[in-house]
Amino acid sequence: MPPWGPTNRRRLIQGLRSLGFEGPHPGGRHMIMQRGDVTVALPNPHRGDIGFGLLATVLRQAGVSREEWEQL
């Protein structure tokens, strides 16, 4: 995975899949990915990259540390 920083939605999904998440599945306003009892809401597609803050929020919901993300 890329170093900690802005990334695009496709890379985020690939990274979460490599961590054992399934999806994305429809979940109302946002697509979701699941691993066991953990459900993560994905940001909606947009033109730019997913920034630091939003990436940190998604990974916190997923229970993924920065170090774990960078080692993918």
N, C-alpha and C. Protein backbone atom coordinates (compact mmCIF):
# COMPACT_ATOMS: atom_id res chain seq x y z
N MET A 1 0.85 -1.17 0.00
CA MET A 1 0.00 0.00 0.00
C MET A 1 0.89 1.22 0.00
N PRO A 2 0.36 2.30 -0.45
CA PRO A 2 1.16 3.53 -0.46
C PRO A 2 1.45 3.98 0.96
N PRO A 3 2.48 4.79 1.12
CA PRO A 3 2.75 5.31 2.45
C PRO A 3 1.55 6.12 2.95
N TRP A 4 1.55 6.39 4.25
CA TRP A 4 0.46 7.13 4.87
C TRP A 4 0.27 8.45 4.15
N GLY A 5 -0.90 8.66 3.61
CA GLY A 5 -1.18 9.90 2.91
C GLY A 5 -2.37 9.74 2.00
N PRO A 6 -2.64 10.77 1.22
CA PRO A 6 -3.80 10.72 0.33
C PRO A 6 -3.74 9.50 -0.59
N THR A 7 -4.89 8.90 -0.80
CA THR A 7 -5.01 7.73 -1.67
C THR A 7 -6.34 7.80 -2.40
N ASN A 8 -6.46 7.02 -3.45
CA ASN A 8 -7.74 7.04 -4.15
C ASN A 8 -8.64 5.92 -3.61
N ARG A 9 -9.90 5.98 -3.96
CA ARG A 9 -10.91 5.05 -3.43
C ARG A 9 -10.61 3.60 -3.82
N ARG A 10 -10.14 3.40 -5.02
CA ARG A 10 -9.84 2.05 -5.49
C ARG A 10 -8.73 1.41 -4.65
N ARG A 11 -7.69 2.16 -4.34
CA ARG A 11 -6.61 1.63 -3.51
C ARG A 11 -7.08 1.36 -2.09
N LEU A 12 -7.96 2.21 -1.58
CA LEU A 12 -8.52 1.98 -0.25
C LEU A 12 -9.27 0.66 -0.21
N ILE A 13 -10.09 0.41 -1.22
CA ILE A 13 -10.86 -0.84 -1.29
C ILE A 13 -9.92 -2.03 -1.41
N GLN A 14 -8.90 -1.93 -2.25
CA GLN A 14 -7.94 -3.03 -2.40
C GLN A 14 -7.22 -3.31 -1.09
N GLY A 15 -6.84 -2.26 -0.38
CA GLY A 15 -6.16 -2.43 0.89
C GLY A 15 -7.04 -3.10 1.93
N LEU A 16 -8.29 -2.67 2.01
CA LEU A 16 -9.21 -3.27 2.97
C LEU A 16 -9.49 -4.73 2.61
N ARG A 17 -9.58 -5.03 1.34
CA ARG A 17 -9.77 -6.43 0.93
C ARG A 17 -8.58 -7.29 1.34
N SER A 18 -7.38 -6.75 1.20
CA SER A 18 -6.20 -7.53 1.58
C SER A 18 -6.13 -7.74 3.09
N LEU A 19 -6.87 -6.93 3.85
CA LEU A 19 -6.95 -7.09 5.30
C LEU A 19 -8.11 -7.99 5.71
N GLY A 20 -8.81 -8.56 4.74
CA GLY A 20 -9.87 -9.51 5.04
C GLY A 20 -11.28 -8.96 4.98
N PHE A 21 -11.46 -7.73 4.54
CA PHE A 21 -12.80 -7.15 4.42
C PHE A 21 -13.44 -7.63 3.14
N GLU A 22 -14.75 -7.77 3.16
CA GLU A 22 -15.52 -8.17 1.99
C GLU A 22 -16.36 -7.00 1.52
N GLY A 23 -16.57 -6.92 0.24
CA GLY A 23 -17.40 -5.85 -0.30
C GLY A 23 -16.63 -5.12 -1.39
N PRO A 24 -17.10 -3.97 -1.73
CA PRO A 24 -18.13 -3.16 -1.09
C PRO A 24 -19.55 -3.61 -1.43
N HIS A 25 -20.44 -3.39 -0.46
CA HIS A 25 -21.85 -3.72 -0.57
C HIS A 25 -22.67 -2.44 -0.38
N PRO A 26 -23.87 -2.38 -0.97
CA PRO A 26 -24.72 -1.22 -0.72
C PRO A 26 -25.08 -1.13 0.76
N GLY A 27 -25.08 0.09 1.28
CA GLY A 27 -25.39 0.24 2.70
C GLY A 27 -26.16 1.50 3.00
N GLY A 28 -26.95 1.97 2.10
CA GLY A 28 -27.69 3.21 2.33
C GLY A 28 -27.02 4.34 1.57
N ARG A 29 -26.59 5.36 2.28
CA ARG A 29 -25.95 6.50 1.62
C ARG A 29 -24.52 6.20 1.16
N HIS A 30 -23.87 5.25 1.79
CA HIS A 30 -22.49 4.90 1.46
C HIS A 30 -22.37 3.40 1.24
N MET A 31 -21.40 3.00 0.44
CA MET A 31 -21.07 1.60 0.29
C MET A 31 -20.36 1.18 1.58
N ILE A 32 -20.47 -0.10 1.93
CA ILE A 32 -19.83 -0.59 3.14
C ILE A 32 -18.97 -1.80 2.83
N MET A 33 -18.00 -2.06 3.71
CA MET A 33 -17.21 -3.27 3.66
C MET A 33 -17.26 -3.88 5.04
N GLN A 34 -17.22 -5.23 5.09
CA GLN A 34 -17.37 -5.92 6.37
C GLN A 34 -16.30 -6.97 6.56
N ARG A 35 -15.92 -7.12 7.83
CA ARG A 35 -15.02 -8.20 8.26
C ARG A 35 -15.53 -8.63 9.63
N GLY A 36 -16.17 -9.78 9.68
CA GLY A 36 -16.77 -10.23 10.93
C GLY A 36 -17.84 -9.25 11.39
N ASP A 37 -17.69 -8.75 12.61
CA ASP A 37 -18.65 -7.79 13.17
C ASP A 37 -18.32 -6.34 12.84
N VAL A 38 -17.20 -6.11 12.16
CA VAL A 38 -16.75 -4.75 11.86
C VAL A 38 -17.30 -4.31 10.51
N THR A 39 -17.97 -3.16 10.50
CA THR A 39 -18.52 -2.59 9.27
C THR A 39 -17.91 -1.22 9.07
N VAL A 40 -17.41 -0.97 7.87
CA VAL A 40 -16.76 0.29 7.53
C VAL A 40 -17.52 0.96 6.41
N ALA A 41 -17.88 2.21 6.58
CA ALA A 41 -18.52 3.00 5.53
C ALA A 41 -17.44 3.61 4.65
N LEU A 42 -17.57 3.40 3.34
CA LEU A 42 -16.59 3.94 2.40
C LEU A 42 -17.02 5.32 1.93
N PRO A 43 -16.05 6.19 1.69
CA PRO A 43 -16.40 7.49 1.12
C PRO A 43 -16.96 7.31 -0.28
N ASN A 44 -17.89 8.17 -0.64
CA ASN A 44 -18.45 8.13 -1.98
C ASN A 44 -17.40 8.54 -3.00
N PRO A 45 -17.48 8.04 -4.22
CA PRO A 45 -16.51 8.41 -5.25
C PRO A 45 -16.59 9.91 -5.55
N HIS A 46 -15.43 10.49 -5.71
CA HIS A 46 -15.34 11.90 -6.11
C HIS A 46 -14.07 12.07 -6.90
N ARG A 47 -13.81 13.24 -7.38
CA ARG A 47 -12.69 13.46 -8.29
C ARG A 47 -11.33 13.28 -7.64
N GLY A 48 -11.13 13.86 -6.49
CA GLY A 48 -9.81 13.87 -5.88
C GLY A 48 -9.54 12.65 -5.01
N ASP A 49 -8.35 12.66 -4.45
CA ASP A 49 -7.95 11.59 -3.54
C ASP A 49 -8.62 11.74 -2.19
N ILE A 50 -8.60 10.64 -1.44
CA ILE A 50 -9.08 10.64 -0.06
C ILE A 50 -7.94 11.19 0.79
N GLY A 51 -8.18 12.26 1.50
CA GLY A 51 -7.14 12.95 2.26
C GLY A 51 -6.80 12.24 3.58
N PHE A 52 -5.82 12.83 4.29
CA PHE A 52 -5.34 12.28 5.56
C PHE A 52 -6.45 12.05 6.56
N GLY A 53 -7.27 13.06 6.79
CA GLY A 53 -8.31 12.99 7.82
C GLY A 53 -9.34 11.90 7.56
N LEU A 54 -9.83 11.85 6.33
CA LEU A 54 -10.84 10.85 5.99
C LEU A 54 -10.25 9.45 5.98
N LEU A 55 -9.02 9.32 5.50
CA LEU A 55 -8.35 8.01 5.54
C LEU A 55 -8.19 7.54 6.98
N ALA A 56 -7.78 8.43 7.86
CA ALA A 56 -7.61 8.08 9.27
C ALA A 56 -8.94 7.65 9.89
N THR A 57 -10.01 8.33 9.55
CA THR A 57 -11.33 7.99 10.07
C THR A 57 -11.78 6.61 9.60
N VAL A 58 -11.61 6.32 8.32
CA VAL A 58 -12.02 5.02 7.77
C VAL A 58 -11.20 3.90 8.41
N LEU A 59 -9.90 4.10 8.53
CA LEU A 59 -9.05 3.06 9.11
C LEU A 59 -9.32 2.88 10.60
N ARG A 60 -9.68 3.95 11.30
CA ARG A 60 -10.05 3.83 12.72
C ARG A 60 -11.31 3.00 12.85
N GLN A 61 -12.30 3.24 11.99
CA GLN A 61 -13.53 2.43 11.99
C GLN A 61 -13.22 0.96 11.73
N ALA A 62 -12.23 0.72 10.88
CA ALA A 62 -11.87 -0.64 10.51
C ALA A 62 -10.99 -1.32 11.55
N GLY A 63 -10.46 -0.55 12.49
CA GLY A 63 -9.56 -1.13 13.49
C GLY A 63 -8.18 -1.42 12.92
N VAL A 64 -7.77 -0.62 11.94
CA VAL A 64 -6.48 -0.81 11.28
C VAL A 64 -5.55 0.31 11.70
N SER A 65 -4.35 -0.06 12.16
CA SER A 65 -3.38 0.96 12.57
C SER A 65 -2.64 1.50 11.34
N ARG A 66 -2.00 2.62 11.54
CA ARG A 66 -1.21 3.24 10.47
C ARG A 66 -0.10 2.29 10.03
N GLU A 67 0.56 1.66 10.99
CA GLU A 67 1.66 0.75 10.67
C GLU A 67 1.17 -0.45 9.86
N GLU A 68 0.01 -0.98 10.25
CA GLU A 68 -0.57 -2.12 9.53
C GLU A 68 -0.91 -1.71 8.10
N TRP A 69 -1.44 -0.51 7.92
CA TRP A 69 -1.81 -0.01 6.60
C TRP A 69 -0.57 0.14 5.72
N GLU A 70 0.51 0.67 6.27
CA GLU A 70 1.72 0.90 5.49
C GLU A 70 2.45 -0.39 5.13
N GLN A 71 2.20 -1.48 5.86
CA GLN A 71 2.89 -2.74 5.60
C GLN A 71 2.21 -3.57 4.52
N LEU A 72 1.06 -3.14 4.06
CA LEU A 72 0.35 -3.93 3.04
C LEU A 72 1.13 -3.97 1.74
